[in-house]
C-alpha cells in the first residue's frame, strides 16, 4: 500500500502525462537494478550455504539457493571468476551425497556460467535417466563445439524421450553437422522421432536439410500435415534469405496449391509476396481479381503496405474484378 501511495504522489496524472510516468518507472527500475547488481557484486555465499545447497530437498527453505544465486549474479559481472565458480558447481554433480533437487539447481546455474570444461561431467549424466534431461538442457546452453559434439553423438546413442530432446537441442543450436543423423532419424520407425527430426531439419536449414525435407514432402499425400508443412515452409524461408529466390518460390507455389490446408496456403502465398520484389504490386493487383478467395483476402490485407497506384485502382480493372474482390 505504501508503495502505491508513493507512486500516486510522485507520478504525474496518467491521462495527461503518460510519457513522464513511463520514464519515471523506467528510471525507478534502473536504479533498483543498479542497487541489486552492486549488492550482488560484493556477495559471496558462505560455506554453510554451499553445504546446505548440496543437501537441498524440494519443499525445504531455499535460502541457501538464493545465496548461491546471488553469487552467480556477482560472478556474471566478473568473467575471470567463471571457470572456478563453474568448476565448483560441477564438482557437486559427481558427489553421491548431492541430492537430485540440488543437481537440478546446479544445472540451471551452469546454463548461465557453465564453460566447456563442464561438458564431460554433463555428458556422463546423460547415461542416467534421472539426470539425463537436466544435463541435456544444460549442454544445449553451453556454447562451443565441445557441447555440440556431445549432443550430436547422442543422436545415434540414445532412444526414447532423451533422443527427442537431443533432436530439439540440435535444432536449437542450428547444428548443421547433425543434419546427416537427423536425415536418418527422419525415416525412423518411431513416428514421434521421425517427426521431431523433420521439424529440426526445417529449423536448421541449409541445402542438405532442404533436400531432405523436400524428399519427405514429395512422398507425402496432400494436404501435407503441419509437422511436414511447417518445416518445408521454413526451408523456403531459408532459401529466400540465402538469395535462392527461384528455389524458394518453387516451394511456396507447391504449398500454395488448393490441395493444401488453409494455414499452409496462407503462409505460402505470403512467402510468394515476400519473394516478389518489384513484382509485388503487380501480383497484389492480379490476386485482387483472382477467383481464389484466399488470394483476394491476402492481397486486400497488403493494400495498406503498398503504394496504391493507378494500376491497382484503375476503374477498368475494378469493373472486371469479382464482386468480392471489389
Foldseek 3Di string as FASTA:
>chain_A
DVVVVVLVVPADDCVPCVPRSVVVVVVVVVVVVVVLLVVLLPADQDPVLVVCLQQDDPPDDCPSLVSVVSVLSNCVVPVVCLVVNLVVLLVSLPDPNRDLVSVLSSLVSCLPRPELVSLVSLLVLCVPPSRNVSSLVSLLSHDDVSSVVSLLVVCVPDDDPSNLSSLVSCLSNLPPVSLVSLLVQLPDPPPSSVLSSLQSLLSSEDPSSLVSLVVVVVPDDPPDPPSSLVSNLSNLVSCVVVVNLVVSLVSLVVQLDPRYDPVSNLSSVVSCLVSCVPCNVVQLLVLLQDPDVSSLVVSVVCPVVDDCDCSNVVPVSVVNGDPVSD
